[in-house]
PDB file of all heavy atoms in Angstrom:
ATOM      1  N   GLN A   1      94.131 143.971 153.410  1.00  0.00           N
ATOM      2  CA  GLN A   1      94.324 143.883 151.968  1.00  0.00           C
ATOM      3  C   GLN A   1      93.003 143.573 151.262  1.00  0.00           C
ATOM      4  O   GLN A   1      92.714 144.106 150.182  1.00  0.00           O
ATOM      5  CB  GLN A   1      95.357 142.795 151.648  1.00  0.00           C
ATOM      6  CG  GLN A   1      95.985 142.921 150.272  1.00  0.00           C
ATOM      7  CD  GLN A   1      97.180 142.009 150.114  1.00  0.00           C
ATOM      8  OE1 GLN A   1      97.423 141.136 150.928  1.00  0.00           O
ATOM      9  NE2 GLN A   1      97.933 142.211 149.042  1.00  0.00           N
ATOM     10  N   LEU A   2      92.191 142.725 151.887  1.00  0.00           N
ATOM     11  CA  LEU A   2      90.878 142.387 151.326  1.00  0.00           C
ATOM     12  C   LEU A   2      89.973 143.608 151.304  1.00  0.00           C
ATOM     13  O   LEU A   2      89.307 143.886 150.300  1.00  0.00           O
ATOM     14  CB  LEU A   2      90.242 141.273 152.168  1.00  0.00           C
ATOM     15  CG  LEU A   2      88.866 140.767 151.741  1.00  0.00           C
ATOM     16  CD1 LEU A   2      88.929 140.134 150.360  1.00  0.00           C
ATOM     17  CD2 LEU A   2      88.343 139.756 152.758  1.00  0.00           C
ATOM     18  N   PHE A   3      89.966 144.373 152.407  1.00  0.00           N
ATOM     19  CA  PHE A   3      89.149 145.578 152.471  1.00  0.00           C
ATOM     20  C   PHE A   3      89.606 146.607 151.435  1.00  0.00           C
ATOM     21  O   PHE A   3      88.793 147.187 150.713  1.00  0.00           O
ATOM     22  CB  PHE A   3      89.222 146.195 153.867  1.00  0.00           C
ATOM     23  CG  PHE A   3      88.526 147.524 153.977  1.00  0.00           C
ATOM     24  CD1 PHE A   3      87.146 147.589 154.122  1.00  0.00           C
ATOM     25  CD2 PHE A   3      89.248 148.707 153.912  1.00  0.00           C
ATOM     26  CE1 PHE A   3      86.498 148.824 154.205  1.00  0.00           C
ATOM     27  CE2 PHE A   3      88.608 149.942 154.002  1.00  0.00           C
ATOM     28  CZ  PHE A   3      87.231 149.994 154.143  1.00  0.00           C
ATOM     29  N   LYS A   4      90.909 146.808 151.351  1.00  0.00           N
ATOM     30  CA  LYS A   4      91.447 147.792 150.413  1.00  0.00           C
ATOM     31  C   LYS A   4      91.129 147.411 148.973  1.00  0.00           C
ATOM     32  O   LYS A   4      90.731 148.259 148.169  1.00  0.00           O
ATOM     33  CB  LYS A   4      92.958 147.913 150.614  1.00  0.00           C
ATOM     34  CG  LYS A   4      93.608 149.014 149.791  1.00  0.00           C
ATOM     35  CD  LYS A   4      95.064 149.232 150.228  1.00  0.00           C
ATOM     36  CE  LYS A   4      95.915 148.021 149.972  1.00  0.00           C
ATOM     37  NZ  LYS A   4      97.350 148.268 150.241  1.00  0.00           N
ATOM     38  N   ALA A   5      91.279 146.121 148.655  1.00  0.00           N
ATOM     39  CA  ALA A   5      91.030 145.669 147.283  1.00  0.00           C
ATOM     40  C   ALA A   5      89.555 145.821 146.909  1.00  0.00           C
ATOM     41  O   ALA A   5      89.229 146.344 145.841  1.00  0.00           O
ATOM     42  CB  ALA A   5      91.466 144.214 147.128  1.00  0.00           C
ATOM     43  N   THR A   6      88.652 145.384 147.791  1.00  0.00           N
ATOM     44  CA  THR A   6      87.222 145.473 147.484  1.00  0.00           C
ATOM     45  C   THR A   6      86.756 146.932 147.464  1.00  0.00           C
ATOM     46  O   THR A   6      85.911 147.302 146.645  1.00  0.00           O
ATOM     47  CB  THR A   6      86.393 144.674 148.508  1.00  0.00           C
ATOM     48  OG1 THR A   6      86.755 145.077 149.844  1.00  0.00           O
ATOM     49  CG2 THR A   6      86.631 143.183 148.357  1.00  0.00           C
ATOM     50  N   PHE A   7      87.324 147.770 148.333  1.00  0.00           N
ATOM     51  CA  PHE A   7      86.944 149.188 148.364  1.00  0.00           C
ATOM     52  C   PHE A   7      87.334 149.880 147.061  1.00  0.00           C
ATOM     53  O   PHE A   7      86.533 150.597 146.457  1.00  0.00           O
ATOM     54  CB  PHE A   7      87.628 149.876 149.549  1.00  0.00           C
ATOM     55  CG  PHE A   7      87.218 151.310 149.743  1.00  0.00           C
ATOM     56  CD1 PHE A   7      86.144 151.628 150.561  1.00  0.00           C
ATOM     57  CD2 PHE A   7      87.887 152.342 149.107  1.00  0.00           C
ATOM     58  CE1 PHE A   7      85.746 152.955 150.738  1.00  0.00           C
ATOM     59  CE2 PHE A   7      87.506 153.662 149.266  1.00  0.00           C
ATOM     60  CZ  PHE A   7      86.431 153.965 150.087  1.00  0.00           C
ATOM     61  N   LEU A   8      88.566 149.661 146.617  1.00  0.00           N
ATOM     62  CA  LEU A   8      89.038 150.310 145.393  1.00  0.00           C
ATOM     63  C   LEU A   8      88.302 149.793 144.162  1.00  0.00           C
ATOM     64  O   LEU A   8      87.952 150.555 143.259  1.00  0.00           O
ATOM     65  CB  LEU A   8      90.547 150.100 145.235  1.00  0.00           C
ATOM     66  CG  LEU A   8      91.431 150.825 146.256  1.00  0.00           C
ATOM     67  CD1 LEU A   8      92.895 150.436 146.083  1.00  0.00           C
ATOM     68  CD2 LEU A   8      91.262 152.337 146.134  1.00  0.00           C
ATOM     69  N   LEU A   9      88.060 148.477 144.123  1.00  0.00           N
ATOM     70  CA  LEU A   9      87.321 147.913 142.990  1.00  0.00           C
ATOM     71  C   LEU A   9      85.915 148.504 142.914  1.00  0.00           C
ATOM     72  O   LEU A   9      85.434 148.872 141.839  1.00  0.00           O
ATOM     73  CB  LEU A   9      87.239 146.390 143.123  1.00  0.00           C
ATOM     74  CG  LEU A   9      88.495 145.588 142.787  1.00  0.00           C
ATOM     75  CD1 LEU A   9      88.278 144.115 143.115  1.00  0.00           C
ATOM     76  CD2 LEU A   9      88.881 145.751 141.335  1.00  0.00           C
ATOM     77  N   SER A  10      85.250 148.591 144.068  1.00  0.00           N
ATOM     78  CA  SER A  10      83.890 149.124 144.090  1.00  0.00           C
ATOM     79  C   SER A  10      83.853 150.612 143.774  1.00  0.00           C
ATOM     80  O   SER A  10      82.924 151.088 143.119  1.00  0.00           O
ATOM     81  CB  SER A  10      83.268 148.861 145.470  1.00  0.00           C
ATOM     82  OG  SER A  10      81.936 149.301 145.516  1.00  0.00           O
ATOM     83  N   ALA A  11      84.894 151.337 144.223  1.00  0.00           N
ATOM     84  CA  ALA A  11      84.912 152.789 144.017  1.00  0.00           C
ATOM     85  C   ALA A  11      85.133 153.170 142.559  1.00  0.00           C
ATOM     86  O   ALA A  11      84.643 154.208 142.102  1.00  0.00           O
ATOM     87  CB  ALA A  11      86.000 153.415 144.888  1.00  0.00           C
ATOM     88  N   PHE A  12      85.848 152.350 141.806  1.00  0.00           N
ATOM     89  CA  PHE A  12      86.200 152.716 140.437  1.00  0.00           C
ATOM     90  C   PHE A  12      85.565 151.802 139.401  1.00  0.00           C
ATOM     91  O   PHE A  12      86.064 151.679 138.276  1.00  0.00           O
ATOM     92  CB  PHE A  12      87.719 152.716 140.273  1.00  0.00           C
ATOM     93  CG  PHE A  12      88.407 153.747 141.108  1.00  0.00           C
ATOM     94  CD1 PHE A  12      89.002 153.398 142.305  1.00  0.00           C
ATOM     95  CD2 PHE A  12      88.426 155.082 140.715  1.00  0.00           C
ATOM     96  CE1 PHE A  12      89.628 154.362 143.100  1.00  0.00           C
ATOM     97  CE2 PHE A  12      89.040 156.046 141.495  1.00  0.00           C
ATOM     98  CZ  PHE A  12      89.639 155.683 142.698  1.00  0.00           C
ATOM     99  N   THR A  13      84.468 151.153 139.775  1.00  0.00           N
ATOM    100  CA  THR A  13      83.759 150.280 138.847  1.00  0.00           C
ATOM    101  C   THR A  13      82.444 150.917 138.440  1.00  0.00           C
ATOM    102  O   THR A  13      81.630 151.265 139.295  1.00  0.00           O
ATOM    103  CB  THR A  13      83.487 148.904 139.492  1.00  0.00           C
ATOM    104  OG1 THR A  13      84.728 148.282 139.800  1.00  0.00           O
ATOM    105  CG2 THR A  13      82.725 148.016 138.527  1.00  0.00           C
ATOM    106  N   PHE A  14      82.245 151.070 137.145  1.00  0.00           N
ATOM    107  CA  PHE A  14      81.002 151.599 136.602  1.00  0.00           C
ATOM    108  C   PHE A  14      80.428 150.581 135.636  1.00  0.00           C
ATOM    109  O   PHE A  14      81.152 150.010 134.828  1.00  0.00           O
ATOM    110  CB  PHE A  14      81.238 152.930 135.878  1.00  0.00           C
ATOM    111  CG  PHE A  14      81.763 154.018 136.785  1.00  0.00           C
ATOM    112  CD1 PHE A  14      83.131 154.184 136.972  1.00  0.00           C
ATOM    113  CD2 PHE A  14      80.890 154.854 137.445  1.00  0.00           C
ATOM    114  CE1 PHE A  14      83.616 155.177 137.794  1.00  0.00           C
ATOM    115  CE2 PHE A  14      81.367 155.860 138.279  1.00  0.00           C
ATOM    116  CZ  PHE A  14      82.735 156.022 138.456  1.00  0.00           C
ATOM    117  N   GLY A  15      79.114 150.375 135.738  1.00  0.00           N
ATOM    118  CA  GLY A  15      78.486 149.450 134.798  1.00  0.00           C
ATOM    119  C   GLY A  15      77.859 148.238 135.433  1.00  0.00           C
ATOM    120  O   GLY A  15      77.353 147.361 134.739  1.00  0.00           O
ATOM    121  N   GLY A  16      77.892 148.135 136.753  1.00  0.00           N
ATOM    122  CA  GLY A  16      77.188 147.042 137.411  1.00  0.00           C
ATOM    123  C   GLY A  16      78.059 145.851 137.744  1.00  0.00           C
ATOM    124  O   GLY A  16      79.284 145.865 137.611  1.00  0.00           O
ATOM    125  N   GLY A  17      77.375 144.777 138.185  1.00  0.00           N
ATOM    126  CA  GLY A  17      78.059 143.606 138.718  1.00  0.00           C
ATOM    127  C   GLY A  17      78.907 142.862 137.724  1.00  0.00           C
ATOM    128  O   GLY A  17      79.953 142.307 138.083  1.00  0.00           O
ATOM    129  N   PHE A  18      78.488 142.810 136.463  1.00  0.00           N
ATOM    130  CA  PHE A  18      79.255 142.064 135.475  1.00  0.00           C
ATOM    131  C   PHE A  18      80.642 142.673 135.273  1.00  0.00           C
ATOM    132  O   PHE A  18      81.602 141.968 134.978  1.00  0.00           O
ATOM    133  CB  PHE A  18      78.504 142.024 134.143  1.00  0.00           C
ATOM    134  CG  PHE A  18      77.224 141.245 134.216  1.00  0.00           C
ATOM    135  CD1 PHE A  18      76.006 141.894 134.284  1.00  0.00           C
ATOM    136  CD2 PHE A  18      77.242 139.868 134.232  1.00  0.00           C
ATOM    137  CE1 PHE A  18      74.828 141.184 134.358  1.00  0.00           C
ATOM    138  CE2 PHE A  18      76.070 139.141 134.306  1.00  0.00           C
ATOM    139  CZ  PHE A  18      74.854 139.797 134.374  1.00  0.00           C
ATOM    140  N   VAL A  19      80.732 143.978 135.423  1.00  0.00           N
ATOM    141  CA  VAL A  19      82.028 144.648 135.269  1.00  0.00           C
ATOM    142  C   VAL A  19      82.944 144.315 136.438  1.00  0.00           C
ATOM    143  O   VAL A  19      84.126 143.996 136.256  1.00  0.00           O
ATOM    144  CB  VAL A  19      81.830 146.171 135.159  1.00  0.00           C
ATOM    145  CG1 VAL A  19      83.175 146.875 135.066  1.00  0.00           C
ATOM    146  CG2 VAL A  19      80.972 146.504 133.957  1.00  0.00           C
ATOM    147  N   ILE A  20      82.412 144.369 137.653  1.00  0.00           N
ATOM    148  CA  ILE A  20      83.252 144.139 138.826  1.00  0.00           C
ATOM    149  C   ILE A  20      83.731 142.688 138.897  1.00  0.00           C
ATOM    150  O   ILE A  20      84.799 142.406 139.442  1.00  0.00           O
ATOM    151  CB  ILE A  20      82.519 144.542 140.127  1.00  0.00           C
ATOM    152  CG1 ILE A  20      83.542 144.788 141.245  1.00  0.00           C
ATOM    153  CG2 ILE A  20      81.513 143.500 140.544  1.00  0.00           C
ATOM    154  CD1 ILE A  20      82.948 145.397 142.495  1.00  0.00           C
ATOM    155  N   VAL A  21      82.956 141.763 138.337  1.00  0.00           N
ATOM    156  CA  VAL A  21      83.398 140.366 138.315  1.00  0.00           C
ATOM    157  C   VAL A  21      84.683 140.228 137.506  1.00  0.00           C
ATOM    158  O   VAL A  21      85.623 139.537 137.904  1.00  0.00           O
ATOM    159  CB  VAL A  21      82.283 139.463 137.734  1.00  0.00           C
ATOM    160  CG1 VAL A  21      82.848 138.102 137.342  1.00  0.00           C
ATOM    161  CG2 VAL A  21      81.165 139.289 138.749  1.00  0.00           C
ATOM    162  N   SER A  22      84.740 140.904 136.373  1.00  0.00           N
ATOM    163  CA  SER A  22      85.948 140.871 135.549  1.00  0.00           C
ATOM    164  C   SER A  22      87.135 141.485 136.284  1.00  0.00           C
ATOM    165  O   SER A  22      88.249 140.950 136.257  1.00  0.00           O
ATOM    166  CB  SER A  22      85.704 141.619 134.242  1.00  0.00           C
ATOM    167  OG  SER A  22      86.877 141.690 133.463  1.00  0.00           O
ATOM    168  N   LEU A  23      86.893 142.606 136.965  1.00  0.00           N
ATOM    169  CA  LEU A  23      87.974 143.265 137.702  1.00  0.00           C
ATOM    170  C   LEU A  23      88.418 142.439 138.906  1.00  0.00           C
ATOM    171  O   LEU A  23      89.607 142.424 139.258  1.00  0.00           O
ATOM    172  CB  LEU A  23      87.517 144.657 138.150  1.00  0.00           C
ATOM    173  CG  LEU A  23      87.170 145.628 137.020  1.00  0.00           C
ATOM    174  CD1 LEU A  23      86.684 146.956 137.585  1.00  0.00           C
ATOM    175  CD2 LEU A  23      88.381 145.856 136.114  1.00  0.00           C
ATOM    176  N   MET A  24      87.472 141.749 139.548  1.00  0.00           N
ATOM    177  CA  MET A  24      87.828 140.858 140.653  1.00  0.00           C
ATOM    178  C   MET A  24      88.730 139.728 140.173  1.00  0.00           C
ATOM    179  O   MET A  24      89.681 139.331 140.858  1.00  0.00           O
ATOM    180  CB  MET A  24      86.559 140.262 141.272  1.00  0.00           C
ATOM    181  CG  MET A  24      85.868 141.160 142.272  1.00  0.00           C
ATOM    182  SD  MET A  24      84.429 140.341 143.020  1.00  0.00           S
ATOM    183  CE  MET A  24      84.087 141.483 144.372  1.00  0.00           C
ATOM    184  N   LYS A  25      88.410 139.202 138.996  1.00  0.00           N
ATOM    185  CA  LYS A  25      89.238 138.139 138.423  1.00  0.00           C
ATOM    186  C   LYS A  25      90.672 138.622 138.217  1.00  0.00           C
ATOM    187  O   LYS A  25      91.636 137.935 138.571  1.00  0.00           O
ATOM    188  CB  LYS A  25      88.640 137.674 137.098  1.00  0.00           C
ATOM    189  CG  LYS A  25      89.479 136.660 136.344  1.00  0.00           C
ATOM    190  CD  LYS A  25      88.785 136.249 135.066  1.00  0.00           C
ATOM    191  CE  LYS A  25      89.676 135.353 134.235  1.00  0.00           C
ATOM    192  NZ  LYS A  25      90.876 136.036 133.721  1.00  0.00           N
ATOM    193  N   LYS A  26      90.820 139.805 137.660  1.00  0.00           N
ATOM    194  CA  LYS A  26      92.165 140.336 137.427  1.00  0.00           C
ATOM    195  C   LYS A  26      92.907 140.595 138.741  1.00  0.00           C
ATOM    196  O   LYS A  26      94.114 140.383 138.835  1.00  0.00           O
ATOM    197  CB  LYS A  26      92.075 141.619 136.603  1.00  0.00           C
ATOM    198  CG  LYS A  26      91.692 141.399 135.146  1.00  0.00           C
ATOM    199  CD  LYS A  26      91.602 142.707 134.384  1.00  0.00           C
ATOM    200  CE  LYS A  26      91.417 142.463 132.895  1.00  0.00           C
ATOM    201  NZ  LYS A  26      90.205 141.706 132.575  1.00  0.00           N
ATOM    202  N   LYS A  27      92.164 141.061 139.760  1.00  0.00           N
ATOM    203  CA  LYS A  27      92.785 141.405 141.036  1.00  0.00           C
ATOM    204  C   LYS A  27      93.139 140.171 141.852  1.00  0.00           C
ATOM    205  O   LYS A  27      94.287 140.010 142.293  1.00  0.00           O
ATOM    206  CB  LYS A  27      91.833 142.305 141.840  1.00  0.00           C
ATOM    207  CG  LYS A  27      92.409 142.805 143.157  1.00  0.00           C
ATOM    208  CD  LYS A  27      93.526 143.787 142.927  1.00  0.00           C
ATOM    209  CE  LYS A  27      94.050 144.353 144.240  1.00  0.00           C
ATOM    210  NZ  LYS A  27      95.151 145.304 144.022  1.00  0.00           N
ATOM    211  N   PHE A  28      92.168 139.288 142.062  1.00  0.00           N
ATOM    212  CA  PHE A  28      92.351 138.189 143.005  1.00  0.00           C
ATOM    213  C   PHE A  28      92.939 136.935 142.378  1.00  0.00           C
ATOM    214  O   PHE A  28      93.502 136.110 143.093  1.00  0.00           O
ATOM    215  CB  PHE A  28      91.015 137.855 143.673  1.00  0.00           C
ATOM    216  CG  PHE A  28      90.449 138.986 144.486  1.00  0.00           C
ATOM    217  CD1 PHE A  28      89.264 139.600 144.120  1.00  0.00           C
ATOM    218  CD2 PHE A  28      91.112 139.452 145.607  1.00  0.00           C
ATOM    219  CE1 PHE A  28      88.748 140.647 144.856  1.00  0.00           C
ATOM    220  CE2 PHE A  28      90.607 140.495 146.355  1.00  0.00           C
ATOM    221  CZ  PHE A  28      89.434 141.101 145.980  1.00  0.00           C
ATOM    222  N   VAL A  29      92.814 136.798 141.064  1.00  0.00           N
ATOM    223  CA  VAL A  29      93.374 135.620 140.394  1.00  0.00           C
ATOM    224  C   VAL A  29      94.747 135.934 139.805  1.00  0.00           C
ATOM    225  O   VAL A  29      95.729 135.244 140.069  1.00  0.00           O
ATOM    226  CB  VAL A  29      92.422 135.107 139.292  1.00  0.00           C
ATOM    227  CG1 VAL A  29      93.053 133.948 138.524  1.00  0.00           C
ATOM    228  CG2 VAL A  29      91.095 134.674 139.904  1.00  0.00           C
ATOM    229  N   GLU A  30      94.816 137.001 139.004  1.00  0.00           N
ATOM    230  CA  GLU A  30      96.045 137.282 138.277  1.00  0.00           C
ATOM    231  C   GLU A  30      97.068 138.064 139.103  1.00  0.00           C
ATOM    232  O   GLU A  30      98.263 137.811 139.006  1.00  0.00           O
ATOM    233  CB  GLU A  30      95.704 138.059 136.996  1.00  0.00           C
ATOM    234  CG  GLU A  30      94.793 137.280 136.055  1.00  0.00           C
ATOM    235  CD  GLU A  30      94.341 138.105 134.868  1.00  0.00           C
ATOM    236  OE1 GLU A  30      94.869 139.228 134.690  1.00  0.00           O
ATOM    237  OE2 GLU A  30      93.455 137.643 134.112  1.00  0.00           O
ATOM    238  N   GLU A  31      96.593 139.015 139.916  1.00  0.00           N
ATOM    239  CA  GLU A  31      97.527 139.860 140.658  1.00  0.00           C
ATOM    240  C   GLU A  31      97.881 139.288 142.033  1.00  0.00           C
ATOM    241  O   GLU A  31      99.049 139.016 142.328  1.00  0.00           O
ATOM    242  CB  GLU A  31      96.936 141.258 140.822  1.00  0.00           C
ATOM    243  CG  GLU A  31      97.879 142.250 141.487  1.00  0.00           C
ATOM    244  CD  GLU A  31      97.279 143.634 141.594  1.00  0.00           C
ATOM    245  OE1 GLU A  31      96.430 143.988 140.742  1.00  0.00           O
ATOM    246  OE2 GLU A  31      97.645 144.370 142.538  1.00  0.00           O
ATOM    247  N   LEU A  32      96.872 139.071 142.886  1.00  0.00           N
ATOM    248  CA  LEU A  32      97.126 138.577 144.244  1.00  0.00           C
ATOM    249  C   LEU A  32      97.293 137.064 144.302  1.00  0.00           C
ATOM    250  O   LEU A  32      97.851 136.532 145.266  1.00  0.00           O
ATOM    251  CB  LEU A  32      95.981 139.005 145.168  1.00  0.00           C
ATOM    252  CG  LEU A  32      95.812 140.504 145.392  1.00  0.00           C
ATOM    253  CD1 LEU A  32      94.593 140.790 146.258  1.00  0.00           C
ATOM    254  CD2 LEU A  32      97.065 141.108 146.029  1.00  0.00           C
ATOM    255  N   LYS A  33      96.747 136.352 143.300  1.00  0.00           N
ATOM    256  CA  LYS A  33      96.839 134.891 143.216  1.00  0.00           C
ATOM    257  C   LYS A  33      96.226 134.222 144.455  1.00  0.00           C
ATOM    258  O   LYS A  33      96.724 133.211 144.947  1.00  0.00           O
ATOM    259  CB  LYS A  33      98.298 134.442 143.026  1.00  0.00           C
ATOM    260  CG  LYS A  33      98.932 134.993 141.765  1.00  0.00           C
ATOM    261  CD  LYS A  33     100.285 134.401 141.496  1.00  0.00           C
ATOM    262  CE  LYS A  33     100.955 135.054 140.297  1.00  0.00           C
ATOM    263  NZ  LYS A  33     100.150 134.932 139.062  1.00  0.00           N
ATOM    264  N   TRP A  34      95.140 134.785 144.951  1.00  0.00           N
ATOM    265  CA  TRP A  34      94.422 134.185 146.076  1.00  0.00           C
ATOM    266  C   TRP A  34      93.533 133.046 145.610  1.00  0.00           C
ATOM    267  O   TRP A  34      93.243 132.131 146.363  1.00  0.00           O
ATOM    268  CB  TRP A  34      93.560 135.242 146.777  1.00  0.00           C
ATOM    269  CG  TRP A  34      94.352 136.188 147.631  1.00  0.00           C
ATOM    270  CD1 TRP A  34      95.686 136.134 147.885  1.00  0.00           C
ATOM    271  CD2 TRP A  34      93.861 137.334 148.346  1.00  0.00           C
ATOM    272  NE1 TRP A  34      96.061 137.174 148.709  1.00  0.00           N
ATOM    273  CE2 TRP A  34      94.963 137.918 149.012  1.00  0.00           C
ATOM    274  CE3 TRP A  34      92.603 137.904 148.479  1.00  0.00           C
ATOM    275  CZ2 TRP A  34      94.836 139.055 149.801  1.00  0.00           C
ATOM    276  CZ3 TRP A  34      92.474 139.039 149.268  1.00  0.00           C
ATOM    277  CH2 TRP A  34      93.579 139.602 149.926  1.00  0.00           C
ATOM    278  N   LEU A  35      93.081 133.115 144.371  1.00  0.00           N
ATOM    279  CA  LEU A  35      92.169 132.124 143.814  1.00  0.00           C
ATOM    280  C   LEU A  35      92.699 131.651 142.471  1.00  0.00           C
ATOM    281  O   LEU A  35      93.483 132.355 141.827  1.00  0.00           O
ATOM    282  CB  LEU A  35      90.770 132.712 143.619  1.00  0.00           C
ATOM    283  CG  LEU A  35      90.077 133.361 144.831  1.00  0.00           C
ATOM    284  CD1 LEU A  35      88.843 134.113 144.357  1.00  0.00           C
ATOM    285  CD2 LEU A  35      89.700 132.330 145.857  1.00  0.00           C
ATOM    286  N   ASP A  36      92.263 130.451 142.061  1.00  0.00           N
ATOM    287  CA  ASP A  36      92.546 130.060 140.677  1.00  0.00           C
ATOM    288  C   ASP A  36      91.333 130.404 139.819  1.00  0.00           C
ATOM    289  O   ASP A  36      90.280 130.803 140.325  1.00  0.00           O
ATOM    290  CB  ASP A  36      92.912 128.577 140.574  1.00  0.00           C
ATOM    291  CG  ASP A  36      91.820 127.668 141.115  1.00  0.00           C
ATOM    292  OD1 ASP A  36      90.628 128.011 140.966  1.00  0.00           O
ATOM    293  OD2 ASP A  36      92.144 126.619 141.703  1.00  0.00           O
ATOM    294  N   GLU A  37      91.486 130.261 138.534  1.00  0.00           N
ATOM    295  CA  GLU A  37      90.456 130.735 137.606  1.00  0.00           C
ATOM    296  C   GLU A  37      89.151 129.960 137.761  1.00  0.00           C
ATOM    297  O   GLU A  37      88.062 130.533 137.643  1.00  0.00           O
ATOM    298  CB  GLU A  37      90.964 130.633 136.166  1.00  0.00           C
ATOM    299  CG  GLU A  37      90.112 131.402 135.177  1.00  0.00           C
ATOM    300  CD  GLU A  37      90.838 131.662 133.866  1.00  0.00           C
ATOM    301  OE1 GLU A  37      92.067 131.529 133.827  1.00  0.00           O
ATOM    302  OE2 GLU A  37      90.142 132.005 132.897  1.00  0.00           O
ATOM    303  N   SER A  38      89.253 128.657 138.039  1.00  0.00           N
ATOM    304  CA  SER A  38      88.036 127.859 138.189  1.00  0.00           C
ATOM    305  C   SER A  38      87.249 128.290 139.427  1.00  0.00           C
ATOM    306  O   SER A  38      86.011 128.321 139.397  1.00  0.00           O
ATOM    307  CB  SER A  38      88.388 126.371 138.284  1.00  0.00           C
ATOM    308  OG  SER A  38      89.189 126.117 139.432  1.00  0.00           O
ATOM    309  N   GLU A  39      87.948 128.630 140.522  1.00  0.00           N
ATOM    310  CA  GLU A  39      87.262 129.111 141.722  1.00  0.00           C
ATOM    311  C   GLU A  39      86.544 130.426 141.450  1.00  0.00           C
ATOM    312  O   GLU A  39      85.409 130.642 141.895  1.00  0.00           O
ATOM    313  CB  GLU A  39      88.260 129.301 142.868  1.00  0.00           C
ATOM    314  CG  GLU A  39      88.682 128.027 143.574  1.00  0.00           C
ATOM    315  CD  GLU A  39      89.613 128.314 144.737  1.00  0.00           C
ATOM    316  OE1 GLU A  39      90.715 128.839 144.497  1.00  0.00           O
ATOM    317  OE2 GLU A  39      89.247 128.019 145.884  1.00  0.00           O
ATOM    318  N   MET A  40      87.215 131.330 140.735  1.00  0.00           N
ATOM    319  CA  MET A  40      86.610 132.613 140.420  1.00  0.00           C
ATOM    320  C   MET A  40      85.395 132.430 139.526  1.00  0.00           C
ATOM    321  O   MET A  40      84.395 133.147 139.657  1.00  0.00           O
ATOM    322  CB  MET A  40      87.641 133.521 139.737  1.00  0.00           C
ATOM    323  CG  MET A  40      87.219 134.979 139.670  1.00  0.00           C
ATOM    324  SD  MET A  40      87.068 135.759 141.283  1.00  0.00           S
ATOM    325  CE  MET A  40      85.522 136.624 141.107  1.00  0.00           C
ATOM    326  N   LEU A  41      85.465 131.465 138.634  1.00  0.00           N
ATOM    327  CA  LEU A  41      84.324 131.178 137.758  1.00  0.00           C
ATOM    328  C   LEU A  41      83.145 130.669 138.577  1.00  0.00           C
ATOM    329  O   LEU A  41      81.997 131.072 138.348  1.00  0.00           O
ATOM    330  CB  LEU A  41      84.720 130.148 136.698  1.00  0.00           C
ATOM    331  CG  LEU A  41      83.658 129.790 135.653  1.00  0.00           C
ATOM    332  CD1 LEU A  41      83.284 131.015 134.842  1.00  0.00           C
ATOM    333  CD2 LEU A  41      84.157 128.674 134.753  1.00  0.00           C
TER     334      LEU A  41
END
């Protein structure tokens, strides 16, 4: 699941690291709930 999530995020992210950080937050905090918001920050 970790590989699939990071692969898809990286494949469909344009604009550099700042963009993928936002998408990681939505994926791992809001959707998968692996992390809380303070950890992601």
